[in-house]
Amino acid sequence: MLINYVFPSYSNILLGKQHSFIILWSPILMIVSFIICYFLIKKITIKPILFGTIIGFWFIRVVIQIV
C-alpha cells in the first residue's frame, strides 16, 4: 500500500482505522493548506481561510479513498 511507503511508522495505526487518520492529520493539512493559500493571495482574509479549509477537506477525502 502507498501508506506504508509514505508513513511507515504510522502504517499500523492507520490501516483499517480511517478515523485515526482524520484525527491525526486534519489539523496539519488545514494549516498547510492555509499557508499555501495565504502565499497565493498574500493577505489574511476570508479567502485563504475558506480555500485552505476546502483544499484540506478535499485532500483528506482523496487520501482516505487511496488508503
PDB file of N, CA and C in Angstrom:
ATOM      1  N   MET A   1       0.831  -1.186   0.000  1.00  0.00           N
ATOM      2  CA  MET A   1       0.000   0.000   0.000  1.00  0.00           C
ATOM      3  C   MET A   1       0.873   1.247   0.000  1.00  0.00           C
ATOM      4  N   LEU A   2       0.315   2.303  -0.518  1.00  0.00           N
ATOM      5  CA  LEU A   2       1.026   3.572  -0.608  1.00  0.00           C
ATOM      6  C   LEU A   2       1.376   4.117   0.772  1.00  0.00           C
ATOM      7  N   ILE A   3       0.493   3.926   1.721  1.00  0.00           N
ATOM      8  CA  ILE A   3       0.708   4.487   3.062  1.00  0.00           C
ATOM      9  C   ILE A   3       1.935   3.882   3.742  1.00  0.00           C
ATOM     10  N   ASN A   4       2.288   2.642   3.415  1.00  0.00           N
ATOM     11  CA  ASN A   4       3.461   2.014   4.014  1.00  0.00           C
ATOM     12  C   ASN A   4       4.749   2.684   3.569  1.00  0.00           C
ATOM     13  N   TYR A   5       4.767   3.225   2.367  1.00  0.00           N
ATOM     14  CA  TYR A   5       5.962   3.894   1.874  1.00  0.00           C
ATOM     15  C   TYR A   5       6.040   5.341   2.326  1.00  0.00           C
ATOM     16  N   VAL A   6       4.908   5.994   2.445  1.00  0.00           N
ATOM     17  CA  VAL A   6       4.895   7.405   2.809  1.00  0.00           C
ATOM     18  C   VAL A   6       5.060   7.590   4.311  1.00  0.00           C
ATOM     19  N   PHE A   7       4.290   6.840   5.088  1.00  0.00           N
ATOM     20  CA  PHE A   7       4.317   6.961   6.547  1.00  0.00           C
ATOM     21  C   PHE A   7       4.534   5.583   7.168  1.00  0.00           C
ATOM     22  N   PRO A   8       5.739   5.024   7.103  1.00  0.00           N
ATOM     23  CA  PRO A   8       5.921   3.662   7.604  1.00  0.00           C
ATOM     24  C   PRO A   8       5.646   3.519   9.094  1.00  0.00           C
ATOM     25  N   SER A   9       5.937   4.534   9.897  1.00  0.00           N
ATOM     26  CA  SER A   9       5.723   4.409  11.336  1.00  0.00           C
ATOM     27  C   SER A   9       4.254   4.498  11.714  1.00  0.00           C
ATOM     28  N   TYR A  10       3.456   5.137  10.864  1.00  0.00           N
ATOM     29  CA  TYR A  10       2.041   5.280  11.156  1.00  0.00           C
ATOM     30  C   TYR A  10       1.189   4.203  10.499  1.00  0.00           C
ATOM     31  N   SER A  11       1.795   3.325   9.716  1.00  0.00           N
ATOM     32  CA  SER A  11       1.000   2.379   8.936  1.00  0.00           C
ATOM     33  C   SER A  11       0.184   1.448   9.820  1.00  0.00           C
ATOM     34  N   ASN A  12       0.715   1.026  10.952  1.00  0.00           N
ATOM     35  CA  ASN A  12      -0.043   0.137  11.840  1.00  0.00           C
ATOM     36  C   ASN A  12      -1.224   0.845  12.478  1.00  0.00           C
ATOM     37  N   ILE A  13      -1.080   2.124  12.745  1.00  0.00           N
ATOM     38  CA  ILE A  13      -2.166   2.887  13.349  1.00  0.00           C
ATOM     39  C   ILE A  13      -3.261   3.155  12.329  1.00  0.00           C
ATOM     40  N   LEU A  14      -2.853   3.456  11.100  1.00  0.00           N
ATOM     41  CA  LEU A  14      -3.803   3.957  10.118  1.00  0.00           C
ATOM     42  C   LEU A  14      -4.529   2.870   9.344  1.00  0.00           C
ATOM     43  N   LEU A  15      -3.937   1.700   9.210  1.00  0.00           N
ATOM     44  CA  LEU A  15      -4.567   0.667   8.396  1.00  0.00           C
ATOM     45  C   LEU A  15      -5.860   0.210   9.045  1.00  0.00           C
ATOM     46  N   GLY A  16      -6.940   0.392   8.326  1.00  0.00           N
ATOM     47  CA  GLY A  16      -8.243  -0.029   8.812  1.00  0.00           C
ATOM     48  C   GLY A  16      -8.897   0.935   9.776  1.00  0.00           C
ATOM     49  N   LYS A  17      -8.232   2.007  10.129  1.00  0.00           N
ATOM     50  CA  LYS A  17      -8.793   2.972  11.074  1.00  0.00           C
ATOM     51  C   LYS A  17      -8.773   4.352  10.434  1.00  0.00           C
ATOM     52  N   GLN A  18      -9.781   4.647   9.649  1.00  0.00           N
ATOM     53  CA  GLN A  18      -9.813   5.918   8.941  1.00  0.00           C
ATOM     54  C   GLN A  18     -10.017   7.085   9.893  1.00  0.00           C
ATOM     55  N   HIS A  19     -10.698   6.858  10.995  1.00  0.00           N
ATOM     56  CA  HIS A  19     -10.922   7.946  11.945  1.00  0.00           C
ATOM     57  C   HIS A  19      -9.615   8.375  12.595  1.00  0.00           C
ATOM     58  N   SER A  20      -8.708   7.437  12.818  1.00  0.00           N
ATOM     59  CA  SER A  20      -7.404   7.792  13.366  1.00  0.00           C
ATOM     60  C   SER A  20      -6.646   8.685  12.400  1.00  0.00           C
ATOM     61  N   PHE A  21      -6.752   8.380  11.122  1.00  0.00           N
ATOM     62  CA  PHE A  21      -6.071   9.187  10.114  1.00  0.00           C
ATOM     63  C   PHE A  21      -6.606  10.611  10.110  1.00  0.00           C
ATOM     64  N   ILE A  22      -7.916  10.758  10.153  1.00  0.00           N
ATOM     65  CA  ILE A  22      -8.531  12.085  10.124  1.00  0.00           C
ATOM     66  C   ILE A  22      -8.137  12.884  11.358  1.00  0.00           C
ATOM     67  N   ILE A  23      -8.197  12.265  12.521  1.00  0.00           N
ATOM     68  CA  ILE A  23      -7.853  12.960  13.764  1.00  0.00           C
ATOM     69  C   ILE A  23      -6.385  13.352  13.769  1.00  0.00           C
ATOM     70  N   LEU A  24      -5.533  12.503  13.235  1.00  0.00           N
ATOM     71  CA  LEU A  24      -4.094  12.743  13.259  1.00  0.00           C
ATOM     72  C   LEU A  24      -3.669  13.836  12.289  1.00  0.00           C
ATOM     73  N   TRP A  25      -4.209  13.834  11.079  1.00  0.00           N
ATOM     74  CA  TRP A  25      -3.701  14.692  10.025  1.00  0.00           C
ATOM     75  C   TRP A  25      -4.571  15.890   9.687  1.00  0.00           C
ATOM     76  N   SER A  26      -5.799  15.969  10.162  1.00  0.00           N
ATOM     77  CA  SER A  26      -6.672  17.098   9.820  1.00  0.00           C
ATOM     78  C   SER A  26      -6.066  18.452  10.175  1.00  0.00           C
ATOM     79  N   PRO A  27      -5.608  18.661  11.402  1.00  0.00           N
ATOM     80  CA  PRO A  27      -5.047  19.983  11.726  1.00  0.00           C
ATOM     81  C   PRO A  27      -3.817  20.319  10.888  1.00  0.00           C
ATOM     82  N   ILE A  28      -2.975  19.334  10.626  1.00  0.00           N
ATOM     83  CA  ILE A  28      -1.763  19.564   9.839  1.00  0.00           C
ATOM     84  C   ILE A  28      -2.129  19.971   8.419  1.00  0.00           C
ATOM     85  N   LEU A  29      -3.067  19.253   7.819  1.00  0.00           N
ATOM     86  CA  LEU A  29      -3.463  19.554   6.444  1.00  0.00           C
ATOM     87  C   LEU A  29      -4.145  20.911   6.339  1.00  0.00           C
ATOM     88  N   MET A  30      -4.941  21.272   7.336  1.00  0.00           N
ATOM     89  CA  MET A  30      -5.603  22.577   7.308  1.00  0.00           C
ATOM     90  C   MET A  30      -4.582  23.710   7.407  1.00  0.00           C
ATOM     91  N   ILE A  31      -3.603  23.564   8.267  1.00  0.00           N
ATOM     92  CA  ILE A  31      -2.583  24.606   8.429  1.00  0.00           C
ATOM     93  C   ILE A  31      -1.748  24.741   7.163  1.00  0.00           C
ATOM     94  N   VAL A  32      -1.343  23.620   6.581  1.00  0.00           N
ATOM     95  CA  VAL A  32      -0.555  23.660   5.347  1.00  0.00           C
ATOM     96  C   VAL A  32      -1.363  24.282   4.217  1.00  0.00           C
ATOM     97  N   SER A  33      -2.627  23.915   4.105  1.00  0.00           N
ATOM     98  CA  SER A  33      -3.485  24.491   3.062  1.00  0.00           C
ATOM     99  C   SER A  33      -3.654  25.990   3.266  1.00  0.00           C
ATOM    100  N   PHE A  34      -3.815  26.428   4.513  1.00  0.00           N
ATOM    101  CA  PHE A  34      -3.942  27.859   4.796  1.00  0.00           C
ATOM    102  C   PHE A  34      -2.672  28.603   4.399  1.00  0.00           C
ATOM    103  N   ILE A  35      -1.517  28.046   4.726  1.00  0.00           N
ATOM    104  CA  ILE A  35      -0.247  28.705   4.400  1.00  0.00           C
ATOM    105  C   ILE A  35      -0.073  28.819   2.889  1.00  0.00           C
ATOM    106  N   ILE A  36      -0.399  27.756   2.161  1.00  0.00           N
ATOM    107  CA  ILE A  36      -0.297  27.798   0.702  1.00  0.00           C
ATOM    108  C   ILE A  36      -1.226  28.866   0.137  1.00  0.00           C
ATOM    109  N   CYS A  37      -2.467  28.880   0.587  1.00  0.00           N
ATOM    110  CA  CYS A  37      -3.425  29.873   0.092  1.00  0.00           C
ATOM    111  C   CYS A  37      -3.029  31.283   0.514  1.00  0.00           C
ATOM    112  N   TYR A  38      -2.453  31.431   1.700  1.00  0.00           N
ATOM    113  CA  TYR A  38      -2.008  32.753   2.154  1.00  0.00           C
ATOM    114  C   TYR A  38      -0.932  33.312   1.225  1.00  0.00           C
ATOM    115  N   PHE A  39       0.036  32.470   0.866  1.00  0.00           N
ATOM    116  CA  PHE A  39       1.099  32.955  -0.005  1.00  0.00           C
ATOM    117  C   PHE A  39       0.611  33.188  -1.427  1.00  0.00           C
ATOM    118  N   LEU A  40      -0.438  32.497  -1.843  1.00  0.00           N
ATOM    119  CA  LEU A  40      -1.002  32.758  -3.163  1.00  0.00           C
ATOM    120  C   LEU A  40      -1.762  34.079  -3.187  1.00  0.00           C
ATOM    121  N   ILE A  41      -2.451  34.408  -2.103  1.00  0.00           N
ATOM    122  CA  ILE A  41      -3.282  35.609  -2.065  1.00  0.00           C
ATOM    123  C   ILE A  41      -2.549  36.780  -1.394  1.00  0.00           C
ATOM    124  N   LYS A  42      -1.609  36.498  -0.493  1.00  0.00           N
ATOM    125  CA  LYS A  42      -0.777  37.486   0.208  1.00  0.00           C
ATOM    126  C   LYS A  42      -1.526  38.343   1.221  1.00  0.00           C
ATOM    127  N   LYS A  43      -2.671  37.930   1.671  1.00  0.00           N
ATOM    128  CA  LYS A  43      -3.405  38.660   2.701  1.00  0.00           C
ATOM    129  C   LYS A  43      -4.110  37.648   3.601  1.00  0.00           C
ATOM    130  N   ILE A  44      -4.307  38.035   4.839  1.00  0.00           N
ATOM    131  CA  ILE A  44      -5.142  37.218   5.715  1.00  0.00           C
ATOM    132  C   ILE A  44      -6.550  37.777   5.627  1.00  0.00           C
ATOM    133  N   THR A  45      -7.350  37.144   4.832  1.00  0.00           N
ATOM    134  CA  THR A  45      -8.762  37.492   4.695  1.00  0.00           C
ATOM    135  C   THR A  45      -9.553  36.196   4.781  1.00  0.00           C
ATOM    136  N   ILE A  46     -10.804  36.260   4.431  1.00  0.00           N
ATOM    137  CA  ILE A  46     -11.633  35.061   4.477  1.00  0.00           C
ATOM    138  C   ILE A  46     -11.265  34.095   3.353  1.00  0.00           C
ATOM    139  N   LYS A  47     -10.685  34.606   2.250  1.00  0.00           N
ATOM    140  CA  LYS A  47     -10.379  33.737   1.109  1.00  0.00           C
ATOM    141  C   LYS A  47      -9.372  32.640   1.441  1.00  0.00           C
ATOM    142  N   PRO A  48      -8.193  32.958   2.008  1.00  0.00           N
ATOM    143  CA  PRO A  48      -7.280  31.851   2.298  1.00  0.00           C
ATOM    144  C   PRO A  48      -7.819  30.899   3.350  1.00  0.00           C
ATOM    145  N   ILE A  49      -8.581  31.414   4.301  1.00  0.00           N
ATOM    146  CA  ILE A  49      -9.166  30.533   5.311  1.00  0.00           C
ATOM    147  C   ILE A  49     -10.162  29.589   4.663  1.00  0.00           C
ATOM    148  N   LEU A  50     -11.017  30.130   3.813  1.00  0.00           N
ATOM    149  CA  LEU A  50     -12.026  29.318   3.137  1.00  0.00           C
ATOM    150  C   LEU A  50     -11.387  28.336   2.165  1.00  0.00           C
ATOM    151  N   PHE A  51     -10.486  28.821   1.317  1.00  0.00           N
ATOM    152  CA  PHE A  51      -9.842  27.939   0.348  1.00  0.00           C
ATOM    153  C   PHE A  51      -8.963  26.898   1.037  1.00  0.00           C
ATOM    154  N   GLY A  52      -8.264  27.290   2.087  1.00  0.00           N
ATOM    155  CA  GLY A  52      -7.445  26.333   2.827  1.00  0.00           C
ATOM    156  C   GLY A  52      -8.274  25.228   3.442  1.00  0.00           C
ATOM    157  N   THR A  53      -9.429  25.588   3.978  1.00  0.00           N
ATOM    158  CA  THR A  53     -10.320  24.584   4.559  1.00  0.00           C
ATOM    159  C   THR A  53     -10.857  23.649   3.489  1.00  0.00           C
ATOM    160  N   ILE A  54     -11.275  24.206   2.361  1.00  0.00           N
ATOM    161  CA  ILE A  54     -11.813  23.372   1.281  1.00  0.00           C
ATOM    162  C   ILE A  54     -10.735  22.441   0.733  1.00  0.00           C
ATOM    163  N   ILE A  55      -9.542  22.973   0.488  1.00  0.00           N
ATOM    164  CA  ILE A  55      -8.454  22.142  -0.024  1.00  0.00           C
ATOM    165  C   ILE A  55      -8.068  21.074   0.992  1.00  0.00           C
ATOM    166  N   GLY A  56      -8.025  21.428   2.266  1.00  0.00           N
ATOM    167  CA  GLY A  56      -7.691  20.452   3.306  1.00  0.00           C
ATOM    168  C   GLY A  56      -8.694  19.322   3.379  1.00  0.00           C
ATOM    169  N   PHE A  57      -9.992  19.649   3.369  1.00  0.00           N
ATOM    170  CA  PHE A  57     -11.010  18.603   3.404  1.00  0.00           C
ATOM    171  C   PHE A  57     -10.962  17.741   2.147  1.00  0.00           C
ATOM    172  N   TRP A  58     -10.719  18.369   0.989  1.00  0.00           N
ATOM    173  CA  TRP A  58     -10.624  17.611  -0.254  1.00  0.00           C
ATOM    174  C   TRP A  58      -9.441  16.649  -0.195  1.00  0.00           C
ATOM    175  N   PHE A  59      -8.285  17.130   0.316  1.00  0.00           N
ATOM    176  CA  PHE A  59      -7.098  16.292   0.395  1.00  0.00           C
ATOM    177  C   PHE A  59      -7.322  15.112   1.334  1.00  0.00           C
ATOM    178  N   ILE A  60      -7.966  15.350   2.467  1.00  0.00           N
ATOM    179  CA  ILE A  60      -8.264  14.265   3.401  1.00  0.00           C
ATOM    180  C   ILE A  60      -9.161  13.236   2.735  1.00  0.00           C
ATOM    181  N   ARG A  61     -10.157  13.697   2.007  1.00  0.00           N
ATOM    182  CA  ARG A  61     -11.090  12.784   1.332  1.00  0.00           C
ATOM    183  C   ARG A  61     -10.366  11.928   0.289  1.00  0.00           C
ATOM    184  N   VAL A  62      -9.474  12.548  -0.485  1.00  0.00           N
ATOM    185  CA  VAL A  62      -8.729  11.819  -1.508  1.00  0.00           C
ATOM    186  C   VAL A  62      -7.797  10.796  -0.873  1.00  0.00           C
ATOM    187  N   VAL A  63      -7.096  11.184   0.179  1.00  0.00           N
ATOM    188  CA  VAL A  63      -6.156  10.265   0.826  1.00  0.00           C
ATOM    189  C   VAL A  63      -6.891   9.085   1.448  1.00  0.00           C
ATOM    190  N   ILE A  64      -8.042   9.321   2.037  1.00  0.00           N
ATOM    191  CA  ILE A  64      -8.816   8.227   2.622  1.00  0.00           C
ATOM    192  C   ILE A  64      -9.253   7.250   1.538  1.00  0.00           C
ATOM    193  N   GLN A  65      -9.626   7.749   0.365  1.00  0.00           N
ATOM    194  CA  GLN A  65     -10.015   6.860  -0.726  1.00  0.00           C
ATOM    195  C   GLN A  65      -8.827   6.053  -1.228  1.00  0.00           C
ATOM    196  N   ILE A  66      -7.635   6.637  -1.217  1.00  0.00           N
ATOM    197  CA  ILE A  66      -6.434   5.915  -1.646  1.00  0.00           C
ATOM    198  C   ILE A  66      -6.078   4.835  -0.645  1.00  0.00           C
ATOM    199  N   VAL A  67      -6.166   5.167   0.646  1.00  0.00           N
ATOM    200  CA  VAL A  67      -5.819   4.211   1.694  1.00  0.00           C
ATOM    201  C   VAL A  67      -6.870   3.146   1.723  1.00  0.00           C
TER     202      VAL A  67
END
